[in-house]
Structures are given as structure tokens and as C-alpha cells.
């Protein structure tokens, strides 16, 4: 069972759409903000277009056929988000005509929240500079 999703993902990697290929050239090899993205990755029961595990982000490049599967996509998005991942959906047209805007959306999504950073130094319980 594990092997089938991998084979499907591998076949998708071998035949990307033009838009997927353009976006992959911008994301691959840590070219985008030094982040590791993978493409066509089995995730849960799905294959996602682009995955950044470090920032828990998935980028989906949707063609016209996704209009026909809007309910499926909504359920899929909901399930993935329940596992703590954010999803950005862009269209093939967005990627092909305005890649900079797509990359700006991704950049905004990968910025971690301030609460996810540990405090740079330990705080004393008595206050700054005071002895305990």
C-alpha cells in the first residue's frame, strides 16, 4: 500500500505541468529563502504539489479541472489543515503570468509567528538584573 502513493507521486514528478515546472524552478534546491521544498509528495491520503515541512506549508497549483472538484478540494484542505499545515492555492495562470506575486504569497506564509521563536535569553523570575 505504501508503494502505490510513491509510484503515483513519482509519475507526477516526471510529467509536471508547465506551471508546476516554473514554480519548482523557483523553489527547488533551497533557492527560495533557504527553505527545503519537495514536490509531488504523498501526504496523508493525498499527493501534494509542493511541501515545506519546516514551515508546515503546502502549495497547490490548480488547473481548470479543480473547479470541477471544489468540494473534494475543500475537504482535502480541511483535513490537511487539521494536521497543522497551511495550504496556499494558486492557479496555473497565476504562476505563468505573475510568478512574483505567487512567490510573495508564499513568502508571507512561511514567516513564522513570533510565538514560535524561543526567547533569546532566559528571563529571571525576579526581574532583569536582580539576583534570585
N, C-alpha and C. Protein backbone atom coordinates (compact mmCIF):
# COMPACT_ATOMS: atom_id res chain seq x y z
N UNK A 1 0.82 -1.20 0.00
CA UNK A 1 0.00 0.00 0.00
C UNK A 1 0.86 1.26 0.00
N UNK A 2 1.94 1.26 0.76
CA UNK A 2 2.81 2.43 0.84
C UNK A 2 3.45 2.70 -0.52
N UNK A 3 3.73 1.66 -1.26
CA UNK A 3 4.43 1.81 -2.52
C UNK A 3 3.60 2.51 -3.59
N UNK A 4 2.30 2.26 -3.62
CA UNK A 4 1.45 2.85 -4.66
C UNK A 4 1.44 4.38 -4.63
N UNK A 5 1.25 5.05 -3.48
CA UNK A 5 1.31 6.52 -3.47
C UNK A 5 2.66 7.05 -3.93
N UNK A 6 3.72 6.35 -3.57
CA UNK A 6 5.05 6.79 -4.01
C UNK A 6 5.19 6.71 -5.53
N UNK A 7 4.69 5.63 -6.10
CA UNK A 7 4.77 5.48 -7.56
C UNK A 7 3.95 6.55 -8.26
N UNK A 8 2.77 6.84 -7.71
CA UNK A 8 1.92 7.88 -8.29
C UNK A 8 2.63 9.23 -8.23
N UNK A 9 3.22 9.55 -7.06
CA UNK A 9 3.95 10.81 -6.91
C UNK A 9 5.13 10.87 -7.88
N UNK A 10 5.82 9.77 -8.02
CA UNK A 10 6.96 9.73 -8.94
C UNK A 10 6.51 10.00 -10.38
N UNK A 11 5.37 9.43 -10.76
CA UNK A 11 4.86 9.66 -12.13
C UNK A 11 4.47 11.12 -12.32
N UNK A 12 3.93 11.76 -11.28
CA UNK A 12 3.59 13.18 -11.38
C UNK A 12 4.84 14.04 -11.49
N UNK A 13 5.91 13.64 -10.79
CA UNK A 13 7.16 14.40 -10.89
C UNK A 13 7.76 14.31 -12.29
N UNK A 14 7.54 13.19 -12.94
CA UNK A 14 8.09 13.00 -14.29
C UNK A 14 7.34 13.79 -15.36
N UNK A 15 6.09 14.15 -15.08
CA UNK A 15 5.26 14.86 -16.08
C UNK A 15 4.59 16.09 -15.47
N UNK A 16 5.38 17.07 -15.04
CA UNK A 16 4.78 18.25 -14.41
C UNK A 16 4.07 19.12 -15.45
N UNK A 17 3.11 19.88 -14.97
CA UNK A 17 2.51 20.89 -15.84
C UNK A 17 3.54 22.00 -16.02
N UNK A 18 3.33 22.85 -17.00
CA UNK A 18 4.26 23.97 -17.22
C UNK A 18 4.34 24.85 -15.98
N UNK A 19 3.19 25.12 -15.37
CA UNK A 19 3.16 25.98 -14.18
C UNK A 19 3.89 25.33 -13.01
N UNK A 20 3.70 24.04 -12.81
CA UNK A 20 4.42 23.35 -11.73
C UNK A 20 5.92 23.42 -11.96
N UNK A 21 6.33 23.26 -13.21
CA UNK A 21 7.75 23.30 -13.54
C UNK A 21 8.34 24.69 -13.28
N UNK A 22 7.61 25.73 -13.66
CA UNK A 22 8.08 27.11 -13.42
C UNK A 22 8.22 27.37 -11.93
N UNK A 23 7.21 26.99 -11.15
CA UNK A 23 7.28 27.23 -9.71
C UNK A 23 8.38 26.38 -9.07
N UNK A 24 8.54 25.16 -9.52
CA UNK A 24 9.59 24.29 -8.99
C UNK A 24 10.97 24.89 -9.20
N UNK A 25 11.19 25.51 -10.35
CA UNK A 25 12.49 26.13 -10.61
C UNK A 25 12.78 27.26 -9.61
N UNK A 26 11.74 27.91 -9.12
CA UNK A 26 11.91 28.98 -8.13
C UNK A 26 12.10 28.44 -6.71
N UNK A 27 11.55 27.25 -6.43
CA UNK A 27 11.57 26.72 -5.07
C UNK A 27 12.67 25.68 -4.82
N UNK A 28 13.10 25.00 -5.84
CA UNK A 28 13.98 23.84 -5.66
C UNK A 28 15.37 24.24 -5.15
N UNK A 29 16.03 23.26 -4.55
CA UNK A 29 17.40 23.46 -4.12
C UNK A 29 17.60 24.58 -3.12
N UNK A 30 16.61 24.80 -2.28
CA UNK A 30 16.67 25.87 -1.26
C UNK A 30 16.88 27.26 -1.87
N UNK A 31 16.42 27.44 -3.10
CA UNK A 31 16.55 28.74 -3.78
C UNK A 31 15.63 29.79 -3.18
N UNK A 32 14.56 29.35 -2.56
CA UNK A 32 13.58 30.28 -2.01
C UNK A 32 13.79 30.39 -0.50
N UNK A 33 14.39 31.47 -0.08
CA UNK A 33 14.62 31.78 1.33
C UNK A 33 15.34 30.66 2.08
N UNK A 34 16.10 29.85 1.38
CA UNK A 34 16.86 28.78 2.01
C UNK A 34 16.00 27.64 2.53
N UNK A 35 14.73 27.61 2.14
CA UNK A 35 13.81 26.58 2.63
C UNK A 35 13.80 25.35 1.73
N UNK A 36 13.65 24.20 2.34
CA UNK A 36 13.60 22.94 1.61
C UNK A 36 12.15 22.65 1.20
N UNK A 37 11.90 22.66 -0.09
CA UNK A 37 10.61 22.27 -0.62
C UNK A 37 10.77 20.95 -1.35
N UNK A 38 9.75 20.12 -1.25
CA UNK A 38 9.68 18.88 -2.01
C UNK A 38 8.49 19.01 -2.94
N UNK A 39 8.51 18.28 -4.05
CA UNK A 39 7.38 18.36 -4.97
C UNK A 39 6.74 17.01 -5.16
N UNK A 40 5.43 17.04 -5.41
CA UNK A 40 4.64 15.83 -5.61
C UNK A 40 4.96 14.80 -4.53
N UNK A 41 4.53 15.12 -3.33
CA UNK A 41 4.84 14.31 -2.15
C UNK A 41 3.58 13.63 -1.63
N UNK A 42 3.63 12.32 -1.37
CA UNK A 42 2.50 11.68 -0.70
C UNK A 42 2.37 12.25 0.71
N UNK A 43 1.16 12.70 1.05
CA UNK A 43 0.90 13.31 2.35
C UNK A 43 -0.50 12.90 2.77
N UNK A 44 -0.62 12.24 3.91
CA UNK A 44 -1.88 11.63 4.34
C UNK A 44 -2.34 10.72 3.20
N UNK A 45 -3.54 10.89 2.71
CA UNK A 45 -4.03 10.07 1.60
C UNK A 45 -3.97 10.81 0.27
N UNK A 46 -3.17 11.84 0.19
CA UNK A 46 -3.14 12.70 -0.98
C UNK A 46 -1.71 12.82 -1.51
N UNK A 47 -1.59 13.42 -2.67
CA UNK A 47 -0.29 13.83 -3.19
C UNK A 47 -0.36 15.33 -3.33
N UNK A 48 0.53 16.02 -2.62
CA UNK A 48 0.52 17.49 -2.63
C UNK A 48 1.59 17.98 -3.61
N UNK A 49 1.33 19.14 -4.21
CA UNK A 49 2.25 19.66 -5.23
C UNK A 49 3.60 20.05 -4.64
N UNK A 50 3.61 20.92 -3.63
CA UNK A 50 4.85 21.38 -3.03
C UNK A 50 4.69 21.39 -1.52
N UNK A 51 5.70 20.88 -0.82
CA UNK A 51 5.63 20.75 0.63
C UNK A 51 6.90 21.29 1.26
N UNK A 52 6.74 22.18 2.24
CA UNK A 52 7.84 22.64 3.08
C UNK A 52 7.52 22.18 4.50
N UNK A 53 8.15 21.09 4.92
CA UNK A 53 7.87 20.51 6.23
C UNK A 53 8.29 21.47 7.34
N UNK A 54 9.43 22.12 7.16
CA UNK A 54 9.98 23.03 8.16
C UNK A 54 8.98 24.11 8.57
N UNK A 55 8.23 24.63 7.62
CA UNK A 55 7.27 25.69 7.90
C UNK A 55 5.82 25.21 7.84
N UNK A 56 5.65 23.88 7.69
CA UNK A 56 4.32 23.28 7.64
C UNK A 56 3.43 23.98 6.62
N UNK A 57 3.96 24.08 5.40
CA UNK A 57 3.27 24.77 4.31
C UNK A 57 3.17 23.87 3.09
N UNK A 58 2.00 23.89 2.48
CA UNK A 58 1.75 23.18 1.22
C UNK A 58 1.30 24.20 0.20
N UNK A 59 1.87 24.13 -0.98
CA UNK A 59 1.46 25.00 -2.09
C UNK A 59 0.86 24.11 -3.16
N UNK A 60 -0.37 24.39 -3.52
CA UNK A 60 -1.07 23.64 -4.56
C UNK A 60 -1.24 24.53 -5.79
N UNK A 61 -0.86 24.01 -6.94
CA UNK A 61 -1.03 24.72 -8.21
C UNK A 61 -2.22 24.08 -8.90
N UNK A 62 -3.30 24.83 -9.02
CA UNK A 62 -4.56 24.30 -9.54
C UNK A 62 -4.81 24.71 -10.98
N UNK A 63 -5.18 23.73 -11.77
CA UNK A 63 -5.61 23.99 -13.14
C UNK A 63 -7.12 24.13 -13.18
N UNK A 64 -7.66 24.23 -14.37
CA UNK A 64 -9.11 24.41 -14.52
C UNK A 64 -9.91 23.24 -13.97
N UNK A 65 -9.34 22.04 -13.98
CA UNK A 65 -10.08 20.87 -13.51
C UNK A 65 -10.43 20.98 -12.04
N UNK A 66 -9.71 21.80 -11.28
CA UNK A 66 -10.01 21.94 -9.86
C UNK A 66 -11.35 22.63 -9.62
N UNK A 67 -11.85 23.37 -10.59
CA UNK A 67 -13.18 23.95 -10.48
C UNK A 67 -14.24 22.85 -10.37
N UNK A 68 -13.98 21.76 -11.05
CA UNK A 68 -14.93 20.64 -11.05
C UNK A 68 -14.90 19.87 -9.74
N UNK A 69 -13.79 19.98 -9.00
CA UNK A 69 -13.61 19.21 -7.78
C UNK A 69 -13.54 20.11 -6.54
N UNK A 70 -14.26 21.19 -6.56
CA UNK A 70 -14.19 22.16 -5.46
C UNK A 70 -14.54 21.53 -4.11
N UNK A 71 -15.56 20.69 -4.06
CA UNK A 71 -15.95 20.05 -2.80
C UNK A 71 -14.85 19.12 -2.29
N UNK A 72 -14.29 18.34 -3.19
CA UNK A 72 -13.18 17.44 -2.83
C UNK A 72 -12.00 18.25 -2.30
N UNK A 73 -11.65 19.32 -3.02
CA UNK A 73 -10.52 20.16 -2.60
C UNK A 73 -10.77 20.78 -1.23
N UNK A 74 -12.00 21.19 -0.97
CA UNK A 74 -12.33 21.79 0.33
C UNK A 74 -12.17 20.77 1.46
N UNK A 75 -12.65 19.55 1.25
CA UNK A 75 -12.49 18.50 2.26
C UNK A 75 -11.01 18.17 2.47
N UNK A 76 -10.28 18.09 1.38
CA UNK A 76 -8.85 17.79 1.42
C UNK A 76 -8.11 18.88 2.21
N UNK A 77 -8.40 20.13 1.90
CA UNK A 77 -7.77 21.25 2.60
C UNK A 77 -8.08 21.19 4.09
N UNK A 78 -9.33 20.94 4.43
CA UNK A 78 -9.74 20.87 5.83
C UNK A 78 -8.97 19.78 6.57
N UNK A 79 -8.85 18.61 5.97
CA UNK A 79 -8.14 17.51 6.61
C UNK A 79 -6.66 17.84 6.80
N UNK A 80 -6.05 18.40 5.80
CA UNK A 80 -4.63 18.75 5.89
C UNK A 80 -4.41 19.82 6.96
N UNK A 81 -5.28 20.81 7.00
CA UNK A 81 -5.15 21.88 8.00
C UNK A 81 -5.34 21.35 9.42
N UNK A 82 -6.16 20.32 9.59
CA UNK A 82 -6.33 19.71 10.91
C UNK A 82 -5.01 19.12 11.42
N UNK A 83 -4.11 18.81 10.51
CA UNK A 83 -2.80 18.28 10.89
C UNK A 83 -1.76 19.39 11.05
N UNK A 84 -2.21 20.64 11.08
CA UNK A 84 -1.33 21.76 11.38
C UNK A 84 -0.60 22.37 10.20
N UNK A 85 -0.98 22.00 9.00
CA UNK A 85 -0.34 22.55 7.81
C UNK A 85 -1.22 23.63 7.19
N UNK A 86 -0.58 24.66 6.66
CA UNK A 86 -1.29 25.70 5.92
C UNK A 86 -1.21 25.35 4.44
N UNK A 87 -2.23 25.73 3.70
CA UNK A 87 -2.26 25.48 2.26
C UNK A 87 -2.46 26.79 1.53
N UNK A 88 -1.64 26.99 0.52
CA UNK A 88 -1.82 28.11 -0.40
C UNK A 88 -2.21 27.50 -1.73
N UNK A 89 -3.28 28.00 -2.30
CA UNK A 89 -3.71 27.55 -3.62
C UNK A 89 -3.49 28.68 -4.62
N UNK A 90 -2.81 28.35 -5.70
CA UNK A 90 -2.59 29.30 -6.79
C UNK A 90 -3.00 28.61 -8.08
N UNK A 91 -3.32 29.39 -9.08
CA UNK A 91 -3.71 28.80 -10.35
C UNK A 91 -2.51 28.71 -11.28
N UNK A 92 -2.65 27.85 -12.28
CA UNK A 92 -1.62 27.77 -13.32
C UNK A 92 -1.38 29.15 -13.92
N UNK A 93 -2.48 29.87 -14.18
CA UNK A 93 -2.38 31.20 -14.77
C UNK A 93 -1.61 32.17 -13.90
N UNK A 94 -1.84 32.11 -12.57
CA UNK A 94 -1.10 32.97 -11.64
C UNK A 94 0.40 32.73 -11.76
N UNK A 95 0.78 31.47 -11.77
CA UNK A 95 2.20 31.12 -11.85
C UNK A 95 2.81 31.59 -13.17
N UNK A 96 2.09 31.36 -14.26
CA UNK A 96 2.64 31.66 -15.57
C UNK A 96 2.66 33.17 -15.87
N UNK A 97 1.69 33.91 -15.34
CA UNK A 97 1.62 35.34 -15.69
C UNK A 97 2.18 36.26 -14.61
N UNK A 98 2.25 35.81 -13.35
CA UNK A 98 2.69 36.69 -12.27
C UNK A 98 3.38 35.90 -11.17
N UNK A 99 4.50 35.29 -11.51
CA UNK A 99 5.24 34.46 -10.56
C UNK A 99 5.67 35.25 -9.33
N UNK A 100 6.02 36.52 -9.50
CA UNK A 100 6.45 37.34 -8.36
C UNK A 100 5.37 37.45 -7.29
N UNK A 101 4.13 37.61 -7.72
CA UNK A 101 3.03 37.70 -6.75
C UNK A 101 2.84 36.36 -6.04
N UNK A 102 2.95 35.27 -6.76
CA UNK A 102 2.85 33.93 -6.15
C UNK A 102 3.95 33.76 -5.11
N UNK A 103 5.17 34.13 -5.45
CA UNK A 103 6.28 33.99 -4.51
C UNK A 103 6.12 34.91 -3.30
N UNK A 104 5.51 36.08 -3.51
CA UNK A 104 5.24 36.97 -2.39
C UNK A 104 4.23 36.34 -1.44
N UNK A 105 3.20 35.70 -1.98
CA UNK A 105 2.21 35.00 -1.13
C UNK A 105 2.88 33.89 -0.33
N UNK A 106 3.77 33.15 -0.97
CA UNK A 106 4.47 32.06 -0.28
C UNK A 106 5.37 32.65 0.80
N UNK A 107 6.07 33.73 0.48
CA UNK A 107 6.96 34.37 1.45
C UNK A 107 6.20 34.81 2.70
N UNK A 108 5.02 35.37 2.51
CA UNK A 108 4.20 35.80 3.66
C UNK A 108 3.77 34.59 4.49
N UNK A 109 3.51 33.48 3.84
CA UNK A 109 3.04 32.28 4.55
C UNK A 109 4.16 31.57 5.31
N UNK A 110 5.40 31.71 4.87
CA UNK A 110 6.49 30.99 5.53
C UNK A 110 7.10 31.75 6.69
N UNK A 111 6.70 32.99 6.90
CA UNK A 111 7.23 33.75 8.02
C UNK A 111 6.63 33.17 9.29
N UNK A 112 7.47 32.61 10.16
CA UNK A 112 6.92 32.03 11.39
C UNK A 112 6.41 33.12 12.32
N UNK A 113 5.43 32.77 13.11
CA UNK A 113 4.90 33.75 14.07
C UNK A 113 5.92 33.99 15.17
N UNK A 114 5.82 35.13 15.80
CA UNK A 114 6.76 35.48 16.87
C UNK A 114 6.69 34.47 18.01
N UNK A 115 5.52 33.88 18.25
CA UNK A 115 5.38 32.93 19.35
C UNK A 115 6.10 31.62 19.08
N UNK A 116 6.49 31.36 17.82
CA UNK A 116 7.17 30.11 17.54
C UNK A 116 8.67 30.20 17.80
N UNK A 117 9.19 31.42 18.03
CA UNK A 117 10.60 31.58 18.33
C UNK A 117 10.82 31.47 19.83
N UNK A 118 11.86 30.74 20.26
CA UNK A 118 12.15 30.73 21.69
C UNK A 118 12.72 32.09 22.09
N UNK A 119 12.56 32.44 23.32
CA UNK A 119 13.10 33.71 23.80
C UNK A 119 14.62 33.64 23.70
N UNK A 120 15.30 34.70 23.24
CA UNK A 120 16.74 34.63 23.02
C UNK A 120 17.58 34.49 24.28
N UNK A 121 17.04 34.82 25.45
CA UNK A 121 17.78 34.64 26.69
C UNK A 121 16.76 34.31 27.78
N UNK A 122 17.22 33.57 28.79
CA UNK A 122 16.27 33.24 29.86
C UNK A 122 15.95 34.46 30.71
N UNK A 123 14.71 34.57 31.11
CA UNK A 123 14.29 35.66 31.98
C UNK A 123 14.27 35.18 33.42
N UNK A 124 14.77 36.02 34.31
CA UNK A 124 14.72 35.64 35.72
C UNK A 124 13.32 35.90 36.25
N UNK A 125 12.97 35.25 37.31
CA UNK A 125 11.66 35.45 37.92
C UNK A 125 11.61 36.75 38.71
N UNK A 126 12.77 37.23 39.12
CA UNK A 126 12.79 38.44 39.96
C UNK A 126 12.89 39.70 39.13
N UNK A 127 13.17 39.58 37.89
CA UNK A 127 13.30 40.77 37.04
C UNK A 127 14.71 40.89 36.49
N UNK A 128 14.87 41.75 35.52
CA UNK A 128 16.15 41.92 34.84
C UNK A 128 17.20 42.48 35.77
N UNK A 129 18.34 41.82 35.83
CA UNK A 129 19.48 42.33 36.57
C UNK A 129 19.43 42.10 38.07
N UNK A 130 18.35 41.56 38.59
CA UNK A 130 18.25 41.32 40.02
C UNK A 130 18.71 39.91 40.35
N UNK A 131 19.20 39.72 41.52
CA UNK A 131 19.62 38.39 41.96
C UNK A 131 18.40 37.63 42.47
N UNK A 132 18.49 36.33 42.34
CA UNK A 132 17.37 35.49 42.79
C UNK A 132 17.43 35.20 44.24
